[in-house]
Amino acid sequence: SSLMFAKFSDNNQFVAYVKDFNIYKENFKTGEITPLTTDGTGAIIN
């Protein structure tokens, strides 16, 4: 219960979502997760 606003990319290869004020990209096939922002703290909200 920690993810927010997950949505598919238009090419259907990836899903992006927010966790703890940062945005992540997940490769749907491989399951690889990449943080796209890293400075989210609550004071900084991404």
All heavy atoms as atom14 arrays in JSON, in Angstrom:
{
  "sequence": "SSLMFAKFSDNNQFVAYVKDFNIYKENFKTGEITPLTTDGTGAIIN",
  "atom14_mask": [
    [1, 1, 1, 1, 1, 1, 0, 0, 0, 0, 0, 0, 0, 0],
    [1, 1, 1, 1, 1, 1, 0, 0, 0, 0, 0, 0, 0, 0],
    [1, 1, 1, 1, 1, 1, 1, 1, 0, 0, 0, 0, 0, 0],
    [1, 1, 1, 1, 1, 1, 1, 1, 0, 0, 0, 0, 0, 0],
    [1, 1, 1, 1, 1, 1, 1, 1, 1, 1, 1, 0, 0, 0],
    [1, 1, 1, 1, 1, 0, 0, 0, 0, 0, 0, 0, 0, 0],
    [1, 1, 1, 1, 1, 1, 1, 1, 1, 0, 0, 0, 0, 0],
    [1, 1, 1, 1, 1, 1, 1, 1, 1, 1, 1, 0, 0, 0],
    [1, 1, 1, 1, 1, 1, 0, 0, 0, 0, 0, 0, 0, 0],
    [1, 1, 1, 1, 1, 1, 1, 1, 0, 0, 0, 0, 0, 0],
    [1, 1, 1, 1, 1, 1, 1, 1, 0, 0, 0, 0, 0, 0],
    [1, 1, 1, 1, 1, 1, 1, 1, 0, 0, 0, 0, 0, 0],
    [1, 1, 1, 1, 1, 1, 1, 1, 1, 0, 0, 0, 0, 0],
    [1, 1, 1, 1, 1, 1, 1, 1, 1, 1, 1, 0, 0, 0],
    [1, 1, 1, 1, 1, 1, 1, 0, 0, 0, 0, 0, 0, 0],
    [1, 1, 1, 1, 1, 0, 0, 0, 0, 0, 0, 0, 0, 0],
    [1, 1, 1, 1, 1, 1, 1, 1, 1, 1, 1, 1, 0, 0],
    [1, 1, 1, 1, 1, 1, 1, 0, 0, 0, 0, 0, 0, 0],
    [1, 1, 1, 1, 1, 1, 1, 1, 1, 0, 0, 0, 0, 0],
    [1, 1, 1, 1, 1, 1, 1, 1, 0, 0, 0, 0, 0, 0],
    [1, 1, 1, 1, 1, 1, 1, 1, 1, 1, 1, 0, 0, 0],
    [1, 1, 1, 1, 1, 1, 1, 1, 0, 0, 0, 0, 0, 0],
    [1, 1, 1, 1, 1, 1, 1, 1, 0, 0, 0, 0, 0, 0],
    [1, 1, 1, 1, 1, 1, 1, 1, 1, 1, 1, 1, 0, 0],
    [1, 1, 1, 1, 1, 1, 1, 1, 1, 0, 0, 0, 0, 0],
    [1, 1, 1, 1, 1, 1, 1, 1, 1, 0, 0, 0, 0, 0],
    [1, 1, 1, 1, 1, 1, 1, 1, 0, 0, 0, 0, 0, 0],
    [1, 1, 1, 1, 1, 1, 1, 1, 1, 1, 1, 0, 0, 0],
    [1, 1, 1, 1, 1, 1, 1, 1, 1, 0, 0, 0, 0, 0],
    [1, 1, 1, 1, 1, 1, 1, 0, 0, 0, 0, 0, 0, 0],
    [1, 1, 1, 1, 0, 0, 0, 0, 0, 0, 0, 0, 0, 0],
    [1, 1, 1, 1, 1, 1, 1, 1, 1, 0, 0, 0, 0, 0],
    [1, 1, 1, 1, 1, 1, 1, 1, 0, 0, 0, 0, 0, 0],
    [1, 1, 1, 1, 1, 1, 1, 0, 0, 0, 0, 0, 0, 0],
    [1, 1, 1, 1, 1, 1, 1, 0, 0, 0, 0, 0, 0, 0],
    [1, 1, 1, 1, 1, 1, 1, 1, 0, 0, 0, 0, 0, 0],
    [1, 1, 1, 1, 1, 1, 1, 0, 0, 0, 0, 0, 0, 0],
    [1, 1, 1, 1, 1, 1, 1, 0, 0, 0, 0, 0, 0, 0],
    [1, 1, 1, 1, 1, 1, 1, 1, 0, 0, 0, 0, 0, 0],
    [1, 1, 1, 1, 0, 0, 0, 0, 0, 0, 0, 0, 0, 0],
    [1, 1, 1, 1, 1, 1, 1, 0, 0, 0, 0, 0, 0, 0],
    [1, 1, 1, 1, 0, 0, 0, 0, 0, 0, 0, 0, 0, 0],
    [1, 1, 1, 1, 1, 0, 0, 0, 0, 0, 0, 0, 0, 0],
    [1, 1, 1, 1, 1, 1, 1, 1, 0, 0, 0, 0, 0, 0],
    [1, 1, 1, 1, 1, 1, 1, 1, 0, 0, 0, 0, 0, 0],
    [1, 1, 1, 1, 1, 1, 1, 1, 0, 0, 0, 0, 0, 0]
  ],
  "atom14_positions": [
    [[0.82, -1.21, 0.0], [0.0, 0.0, 0.0], [0.86, 1.27, 0.0], [0.62, 2.19, 0.78], [-0.93, 0.01, 1.23], [-1.85, 1.06, 1.16], [0.0, 0.0, 0.0], [0.0, 0.0, 0.0], [0.0, 0.0, 0.0], [0.0, 0.0, 0.0], [0.0, 0.0, 0.0], [0.0, 0.0, 0.0], [0.0, 0.0, 0.0], [0.0, 0.0, 0.0]],
    [[1.85, 1.32, -0.91], [2.77, 2.45, -0.9], [2.91, 3.15, -2.25], [3.64, 4.13, -2.37], [4.16, 2.0, -0.45], [4.7, 1.05, -1.36], [0.0, 0.0, 0.0], [0.0, 0.0, 0.0], [0.0, 0.0, 0.0], [0.0, 0.0, 0.0], [0.0, 0.0, 0.0], [0.0, 0.0, 0.0], [0.0, 0.0, 0.0], [0.0, 0.0, 0.0]],
    [[2.2, 2.67, -3.29], [2.34, 3.24, -4.62], [1.15, 4.14, -4.94], [0.03, 3.92, -4.47], [2.44, 2.15, -5.68], [3.52, 1.08, -5.5], [3.58, 0.18, -6.72], [4.87, 1.7, -5.21], [0.0, 0.0, 0.0], [0.0, 0.0, 0.0], [0.0, 0.0, 0.0], [0.0, 0.0, 0.0], [0.0, 0.0, 0.0], [0.0, 0.0, 0.0]],
    [[1.41, 5.14, -5.8], [0.36, 6.08, -6.2], [0.4, 6.3, -7.71], [1.46, 6.37, -8.31], [0.56, 7.44, -5.49], [0.64, 7.37, -3.98], [1.05, 8.97, -3.21], [-0.49, 9.85, -3.41], [0.0, 0.0, 0.0], [0.0, 0.0, 0.0], [0.0, 0.0, 0.0], [0.0, 0.0, 0.0], [0.0, 0.0, 0.0], [0.0, 0.0, 0.0]],
    [[-0.8, 6.4, -8.31], [-1.02, 6.9, -9.67], [-0.3, 6.08, -10.76], [0.14, 6.64, -11.76], [-0.58, 8.36, -9.79], [-1.01, 9.23, -8.65], [-0.1, 9.99, -7.94], [-2.34, 9.27, -8.26], [-0.49, 10.77, -6.87], [-2.75, 10.06, -7.2], [-1.82, 10.81, -6.5], [0.0, 0.0, 0.0], [0.0, 0.0, 0.0], [0.0, 0.0, 0.0]],
    [[-0.19, 4.78, -10.6], [0.47, 3.96, -11.62], [-0.26, 4.08, -12.94], [-1.48, 4.05, -13.01], [0.53, 2.51, -11.16], [0.0, 0.0, 0.0], [0.0, 0.0, 0.0], [0.0, 0.0, 0.0], [0.0, 0.0, 0.0], [0.0, 0.0, 0.0], [0.0, 0.0, 0.0], [0.0, 0.0, 0.0], [0.0, 0.0, 0.0], [0.0, 0.0, 0.0]],
    [[0.53, 4.22, -14.02], [-0.08, 4.32, -15.35], [0.88, 3.78, -16.41], [2.1, 3.88, -16.29], [-0.51, 5.75, -15.67], [0.58, 6.78, -15.57], [0.05, 8.19, -15.89], [-0.75, 8.77, -14.77], [0.09, 9.29, -13.67], [0.0, 0.0, 0.0], [0.0, 0.0, 0.0], [0.0, 0.0, 0.0], [0.0, 0.0, 0.0], [0.0, 0.0, 0.0]],
    [[0.3, 3.21, -17.47], [1.07, 2.65, -18.57], [1.61, 3.75, -19.48], [0.97, 4.78, -19.68], [0.19, 1.73, -19.43], [-0.25, 0.47, -18.75], [-1.55, 0.32, -18.3], [0.64, -0.59, -18.57], [-1.97, -0.84, -17.69], [0.22, -1.76, -17.97], [-1.08, -1.89, -17.52], [0.0, 0.0, 0.0], [0.0, 0.0, 0.0], [0.0, 0.0, 0.0]],
    [[2.77, 3.49, -20.07], [3.23, 4.32, -21.17], [2.42, 3.97, -22.41], [1.86, 2.87, -22.51], [4.72, 4.08, -21.43], [4.94, 2.71, -21.77], [0.0, 0.0, 0.0], [0.0, 0.0, 0.0], [0.0, 0.0, 0.0], [0.0, 0.0, 0.0], [0.0, 0.0, 0.0], [0.0, 0.0, 0.0], [0.0, 0.0, 0.0], [0.0, 0.0, 0.0]],
    [[2.35, 4.89, -23.38], [1.54, 4.64, -24.56], [2.07, 3.5, -25.41], [1.34, 2.93, -26.22], [1.45, 5.92, -25.41], [0.37, 6.87, -24.88], [-0.07, 6.66, -23.74], [0.0, 7.81, -25.6], [0.0, 0.0, 0.0], [0.0, 0.0, 0.0], [0.0, 0.0, 0.0], [0.0, 0.0, 0.0], [0.0, 0.0, 0.0], [0.0, 0.0, 0.0]],
    [[3.36, 3.16, -25.27], [3.9, 2.02, -26.03], [3.74, 0.7, -25.27], [4.21, -0.34, -25.73], [5.36, 2.25, -26.39], [6.26, 2.35, -25.16], [5.83, 2.11, -24.02], [7.51, 2.72, -25.38], [0.0, 0.0, 0.0], [0.0, 0.0, 0.0], [0.0, 0.0, 0.0], [0.0, 0.0, 0.0], [0.0, 0.0, 0.0], [0.0, 0.0, 0.0]],
    [[3.08, 0.77, -24.09], [2.73, -0.41, -23.3], [3.93, -1.18, -22.74], [3.77, -2.3, -22.26], [1.88, -1.38, -24.15], [0.64, -0.73, -24.7], [-0.26, -0.38, -23.95], [0.61, -0.55, -26.01], [0.0, 0.0, 0.0], [0.0, 0.0, 0.0], [0.0, 0.0, 0.0], [0.0, 0.0, 0.0], [0.0, 0.0, 0.0], [0.0, 0.0, 0.0]],
    [[5.12, -0.59, -22.76], [6.3, -1.3, -22.28], [6.6, -1.01, -20.81], [7.22, -1.83, -20.14], [7.52, -0.91, -23.13], [7.43, -1.34, -24.58], [8.67, -0.95, -25.36], [9.69, -0.56, -24.79], [8.58, -1.04, -26.69], [0.0, 0.0, 0.0], [0.0, 0.0, 0.0], [0.0, 0.0, 0.0], [0.0, 0.0, 0.0], [0.0, 0.0, 0.0]],
    [[6.18, 0.16, -20.35], [6.56, 0.58, -19.01], [5.34, 1.03, -18.21], [4.29, 1.39, -18.75], [7.56, 1.74, -19.07], [8.81, 1.43, -19.84], [8.95, 1.82, -21.17], [9.85, 0.73, -19.24], [10.1, 1.53, -21.88], [11.0, 0.44, -19.94], [11.13, 0.84, -21.27], [0.0, 0.0, 0.0], [0.0, 0.0, 0.0], [0.0, 0.0, 0.0]],
    [[5.54, 1.01, -16.91], [4.59, 1.6, -15.98], [5.35, 2.59, -15.12], [6.49, 2.31, -14.72], [3.92, 0.54, -15.09], [2.99, 1.19, -14.08], [3.15, -0.47, -15.93], [0.0, 0.0, 0.0], [0.0, 0.0, 0.0], [0.0, 0.0, 0.0], [0.0, 0.0, 0.0], [0.0, 0.0, 0.0], [0.0, 0.0, 0.0], [0.0, 0.0, 0.0]],
    [[4.78, 3.74, -14.85], [5.38, 4.71, -13.94], [4.45, 4.92, -12.76], [3.22, 4.8, -12.89], [5.66, 6.03, -14.65], [0.0, 0.0, 0.0], [0.0, 0.0, 0.0], [0.0, 0.0, 0.0], [0.0, 0.0, 0.0], [0.0, 0.0, 0.0], [0.0, 0.0, 0.0], [0.0, 0.0, 0.0], [0.0, 0.0, 0.0], [0.0, 0.0, 0.0]],
    [[5.03, 5.2, -11.6], [4.23, 5.46, -10.41], [5.03, 6.3, -9.43], [6.25, 6.52, -9.6], [3.78, 4.16, -9.74], [4.83, 3.08, -9.61], [5.85, 3.16, -8.66], [4.79, 1.96, -10.44], [6.8, 2.16, -8.55], [5.74, 0.95, -10.34], [6.74, 1.06, -9.4], [7.68, 0.07, -9.29], [0.0, 0.0, 0.0], [0.0, 0.0, 0.0]],
    [[4.34, 6.78, -8.4], [4.97, 7.59, -7.36], [5.06, 6.76, -6.09], [4.11, 6.05, -5.72], [4.16, 8.87, -7.09], [4.69, 9.62, -5.87], [4.18, 9.78, -8.32], [0.0, 0.0, 0.0], [0.0, 0.0, 0.0], [0.0, 0.0, 0.0], [0.0, 0.0, 0.0], [0.0, 0.0, 0.0], [0.0, 0.0, 0.0], [0.0, 0.0, 0.0]],
    [[6.22, 6.84, -5.44], [6.4, 6.25, -4.12], [7.26, 7.18, -3.3], [8.34, 7.58, -3.72], [7.06, 4.87, -4.2], [7.24, 4.22, -2.82], [8.04, 2.94, -2.89], [8.14, 2.3, -1.49], [8.85, 3.19, -0.53], [0.0, 0.0, 0.0], [0.0, 0.0, 0.0], [0.0, 0.0, 0.0], [0.0, 0.0, 0.0], [0.0, 0.0, 0.0]],
    [[6.77, 7.52, -2.11], [7.54, 8.37, -1.19], [8.06, 9.62, -1.88], [9.23, 9.99, -1.76], [8.71, 7.59, -0.58], [8.25, 6.46, 0.31], [7.11, 6.52, 0.8], [9.03, 5.5, 0.51], [0.0, 0.0, 0.0], [0.0, 0.0, 0.0], [0.0, 0.0, 0.0], [0.0, 0.0, 0.0], [0.0, 0.0, 0.0], [0.0, 0.0, 0.0]],
    [[7.18, 10.28, -2.65], [7.45, 11.58, -3.26], [8.45, 11.52, -4.41], [8.96, 12.56, -4.84], [7.91, 12.6, -2.21], [6.99, 12.7, -1.04], [7.34, 12.15, 0.19], [5.76, 13.33, -1.15], [6.49, 12.22, 1.27], [4.9, 13.41, -0.07], [5.25, 12.85, 1.14], [0.0, 0.0, 0.0], [0.0, 0.0, 0.0], [0.0, 0.0, 0.0]],
    [[8.73, 10.34, -4.92], [9.58, 10.18, -6.1], [8.85, 9.38, -7.16], [7.95, 8.59, -6.87], [10.9, 9.49, -5.74], [11.88, 10.44, -5.09], [12.17, 11.51, -5.63], [12.4, 10.06, -3.93], [0.0, 0.0, 0.0], [0.0, 0.0, 0.0], [0.0, 0.0, 0.0], [0.0, 0.0, 0.0], [0.0, 0.0, 0.0], [0.0, 0.0, 0.0]],
    [[9.27, 9.59, -8.42], [8.68, 8.9, -9.56], [9.59, 7.74, -9.96], [10.81, 7.89, -10.06], [8.49, 9.87, -10.74], [7.62, 11.06, -10.34], [7.87, 9.15, -11.94], [7.55, 12.16, -11.39], [0.0, 0.0, 0.0], [0.0, 0.0, 0.0], [0.0, 0.0, 0.0], [0.0, 0.0, 0.0], [0.0, 0.0, 0.0], [0.0, 0.0, 0.0]],
    [[8.96, 6.59, -10.2], [9.69, 5.39, -10.61], [9.14, 4.89, -11.95], [7.94, 5.03, -12.23], [9.54, 4.28, -9.57], [10.25, 4.56, -8.27], [9.66, 5.37, -7.3], [11.5, 4.0, -8.0], [10.3, 5.63, -6.1], [12.15, 4.25, -6.8], [11.54, 5.07, -5.86], [12.19, 5.31, -4.67], [0.0, 0.0, 0.0], [0.0, 0.0, 0.0]],
    [[10.02, 4.26, -12.72], [9.63, 3.59, -13.96], [9.91, 2.1, -13.79], [10.97, 1.71, -13.3], [10.44, 4.14, -15.14], [10.13, 3.47, -16.48], [11.09, 3.93, -17.57], [12.48, 3.33, -17.38], [13.36, 3.61, -18.55], [0.0, 0.0, 0.0], [0.0, 0.0, 0.0], [0.0, 0.0, 0.0], [0.0, 0.0, 0.0], [0.0, 0.0, 0.0]],
    [[8.93, 1.28, -14.17], [9.12, -0.17, -14.08], [8.92, -0.78, -15.46], [7.91, -0.53, -16.13], [8.13, -0.78, -13.09], [8.27, -2.28, -12.94], [7.47, -2.86, -11.79], [7.17, -2.1, -10.82], [7.12, -4.05, -11.84], [0.0, 0.0, 0.0], [0.0, 0.0, 0.0], [0.0, 0.0, 0.0], [0.0, 0.0, 0.0], [0.0, 0.0, 0.0]],
    [[9.92, -1.56, -15.9], [9.8, -2.31, -17.14], [8.83, -3.46, -16.89], [9.09, -4.33, -16.06], [11.16, -2.84, -17.59], [11.1, -3.53, -18.94], [10.3, -4.42, -19.17], [11.96, -3.1, -19.85], [0.0, 0.0, 0.0], [0.0, 0.0, 0.0], [0.0, 0.0, 0.0], [0.0, 0.0, 0.0], [0.0, 0.0, 0.0], [0.0, 0.0, 0.0]],
    [[7.72, -3.44, -17.61], [6.68, -4.41, -17.29], [7.15, -5.85, -17.53], [6.8, -6.75, -16.76], [5.42, -4.12, -18.11], [4.31, -5.07, -17.83], [3.6, -4.98, -16.64], [4.0, -6.09, -18.71], [2.58, -5.88, -16.35], [2.98, -6.99, -18.43], [2.28, -6.88, -17.26], [0.0, 0.0, 0.0], [0.0, 0.0, 0.0], [0.0, 0.0, 0.0]],
    [[7.92, -6.08, -18.56], [8.34, -7.45, -18.88], [9.42, -7.96, -17.94], [9.36, -9.08, -17.45], [8.81, -7.52, -20.33], [7.68, -7.39, -21.35], [8.19, -7.6, -22.77], [7.04, -7.52, -23.77], [7.49, -7.73, -25.17], [0.0, 0.0, 0.0], [0.0, 0.0, 0.0], [0.0, 0.0, 0.0], [0.0, 0.0, 0.0], [0.0, 0.0, 0.0]],
    [[10.43, -7.12, -17.68], [11.58, -7.58, -16.89], [11.41, -7.32, -15.4], [12.1, -7.95, -14.58], [12.86, -6.91, -17.37], [12.8, -5.49, -17.05], [13.06, -7.09, -18.87], [0.0, 0.0, 0.0], [0.0, 0.0, 0.0], [0.0, 0.0, 0.0], [0.0, 0.0, 0.0], [0.0, 0.0, 0.0], [0.0, 0.0, 0.0], [0.0, 0.0, 0.0]],
    [[10.55, -6.39, -15.04], [10.39, -6.04, -13.64], [11.45, -5.08, -13.13], [11.46, -4.73, -11.94], [0.0, 0.0, 0.0], [0.0, 0.0, 0.0], [0.0, 0.0, 0.0], [0.0, 0.0, 0.0], [0.0, 0.0, 0.0], [0.0, 0.0, 0.0], [0.0, 0.0, 0.0], [0.0, 0.0, 0.0], [0.0, 0.0, 0.0], [0.0, 0.0, 0.0]],
    [[12.34, -4.63, -14.01], [13.4, -3.69, -13.59], [12.77, -2.35, -13.2], [11.96, -1.79, -13.93], [14.4, -3.48, -14.72], [15.51, -2.49, -14.36], [16.42, -2.2, -15.53], [16.11, -2.65, -16.66], [17.43, -1.51, -15.33], [0.0, 0.0, 0.0], [0.0, 0.0, 0.0], [0.0, 0.0, 0.0], [0.0, 0.0, 0.0], [0.0, 0.0, 0.0]],
    [[13.17, -1.84, -12.02], [12.63, -0.58, -11.51], [13.73, 0.48, -11.51], [14.83, 0.24, -10.99], [12.07, -0.76, -10.08], [10.9, -1.75, -10.1], [11.62, 0.58, -9.51], [10.38, -2.09, -8.73], [0.0, 0.0, 0.0], [0.0, 0.0, 0.0], [0.0, 0.0, 0.0], [0.0, 0.0, 0.0], [0.0, 0.0, 0.0], [0.0, 0.0, 0.0]],
    [[13.41, 1.63, -12.09], [14.37, 2.72, -12.2], [13.81, 3.96, -11.53], [12.72, 4.43, -11.91], [14.67, 3.06, -13.67], [15.11, 1.89, -14.35], [15.73, 4.15, -13.77], [0.0, 0.0, 0.0], [0.0, 0.0, 0.0], [0.0, 0.0, 0.0], [0.0, 0.0, 0.0], [0.0, 0.0, 0.0], [0.0, 0.0, 0.0], [0.0, 0.0, 0.0]],
    [[14.48, 4.52, -10.53], [14.02, 5.8, -9.97], [14.3, 6.93, -10.95], [15.44, 7.1, -11.4], [14.85, 5.94, -8.69], [16.07, 5.11, -8.92], [15.67, 4.0, -9.84], [0.0, 0.0, 0.0], [0.0, 0.0, 0.0], [0.0, 0.0, 0.0], [0.0, 0.0, 0.0], [0.0, 0.0, 0.0], [0.0, 0.0, 0.0], [0.0, 0.0, 0.0]],
    [[13.27, 7.69, -11.29], [13.43, 8.81, -12.22], [13.68, 10.12, -11.5], [14.22, 11.06, -12.08], [12.2, 8.93, -13.12], [11.9, 7.7, -13.99], [10.63, 7.94, -14.81], [13.07, 7.38, -14.91], [0.0, 0.0, 0.0], [0.0, 0.0, 0.0], [0.0, 0.0, 0.0], [0.0, 0.0, 0.0], [0.0, 0.0, 0.0], [0.0, 0.0, 0.0]],
    [[13.29, 10.21, -10.25], [13.68, 11.32, -9.38], [14.17, 10.71, -8.07], [13.74, 9.62, -7.68], [12.51, 12.28, -9.09], [11.52, 11.61, -8.3], [11.88, 12.8, -10.37], [0.0, 0.0, 0.0], [0.0, 0.0, 0.0], [0.0, 0.0, 0.0], [0.0, 0.0, 0.0], [0.0, 0.0, 0.0], [0.0, 0.0, 0.0], [0.0, 0.0, 0.0]],
    [[15.05, 11.42, -7.4], [15.64, 10.87, -6.16], [15.65, 11.87, -5.02], [16.08, 11.53, -3.91], [17.09, 10.41, -6.42], [17.85, 11.51, -6.93], [17.12, 9.26, -7.42], [0.0, 0.0, 0.0], [0.0, 0.0, 0.0], [0.0, 0.0, 0.0], [0.0, 0.0, 0.0], [0.0, 0.0, 0.0], [0.0, 0.0, 0.0], [0.0, 0.0, 0.0]],
    [[15.18, 13.09, -5.26], [15.28, 14.13, -4.23], [13.99, 14.31, -3.43], [13.9, 15.2, -2.59], [15.71, 15.46, -4.85], [14.78, 15.92, -5.96], [13.92, 15.12, -6.4], [14.91, 17.08, -6.41], [0.0, 0.0, 0.0], [0.0, 0.0, 0.0], [0.0, 0.0, 0.0], [0.0, 0.0, 0.0], [0.0, 0.0, 0.0], [0.0, 0.0, 0.0]],
    [[12.98, 13.49, -3.69], [11.72, 13.63, -2.96], [11.86, 13.26, -1.5], [12.39, 12.19, -1.17], [0.0, 0.0, 0.0], [0.0, 0.0, 0.0], [0.0, 0.0, 0.0], [0.0, 0.0, 0.0], [0.0, 0.0, 0.0], [0.0, 0.0, 0.0], [0.0, 0.0, 0.0], [0.0, 0.0, 0.0], [0.0, 0.0, 0.0], [0.0, 0.0, 0.0]],
    [[11.39, 14.14, -0.64], [11.55, 13.92, 0.8], [10.27, 14.19, 1.59], [10.19, 13.85, 2.77], [12.63, 14.87, 1.36], [12.21, 16.22, 1.13], [13.98, 14.62, 0.7], [0.0, 0.0, 0.0], [0.0, 0.0, 0.0], [0.0, 0.0, 0.0], [0.0, 0.0, 0.0], [0.0, 0.0, 0.0], [0.0, 0.0, 0.0], [0.0, 0.0, 0.0]],
    [[9.31, 14.8, 0.99], [8.14, 15.31, 1.7], [8.18, 16.81, 1.71], [7.16, 17.47, 1.54], [0.0, 0.0, 0.0], [0.0, 0.0, 0.0], [0.0, 0.0, 0.0], [0.0, 0.0, 0.0], [0.0, 0.0, 0.0], [0.0, 0.0, 0.0], [0.0, 0.0, 0.0], [0.0, 0.0, 0.0], [0.0, 0.0, 0.0], [0.0, 0.0, 0.0]],
    [[9.38, 17.36, 1.89], [9.57, 18.79, 1.67], [9.65, 19.05, 0.16], [9.08, 20.0, -0.36], [10.81, 19.29, 2.38], [0.0, 0.0, 0.0], [0.0, 0.0, 0.0], [0.0, 0.0, 0.0], [0.0, 0.0, 0.0], [0.0, 0.0, 0.0], [0.0, 0.0, 0.0], [0.0, 0.0, 0.0], [0.0, 0.0, 0.0], [0.0, 0.0, 0.0]],
    [[10.37, 18.18, -0.55], [10.39, 18.18, -2.01], [9.43, 17.09, -2.45], [9.54, 15.93, -2.06], [11.79, 17.91, -2.56], [12.78, 18.97, -2.07], [11.75, 17.87, -4.09], [12.45, 20.39, -2.52], [0.0, 0.0, 0.0], [0.0, 0.0, 0.0], [0.0, 0.0, 0.0], [0.0, 0.0, 0.0], [0.0, 0.0, 0.0], [0.0, 0.0, 0.0]],
    [[8.44, 17.49, -3.28], [7.37, 16.58, -3.68], [7.39, 16.42, -5.19], [7.19, 17.39, -5.92], [6.0, 17.13, -3.22], [5.98, 17.33, -1.7], [4.87, 16.22, -3.66], [4.76, 18.08, -1.2], [0.0, 0.0, 0.0], [0.0, 0.0, 0.0], [0.0, 0.0, 0.0], [0.0, 0.0, 0.0], [0.0, 0.0, 0.0], [0.0, 0.0, 0.0]],
    [[7.64, 15.21, -5.67], [7.67, 14.93, -7.1], [6.48, 14.06, -7.49], [6.19, 13.05, -6.84], [8.95, 14.18, -7.48], [10.2, 15.0, -7.25], [10.34, 16.1, -7.78], [11.12, 14.47, -6.45], [0.0, 0.0, 0.0], [0.0, 0.0, 0.0], [0.0, 0.0, 0.0], [0.0, 0.0, 0.0], [0.0, 0.0, 0.0], [0.0, 0.0, 0.0]]
  ]
}
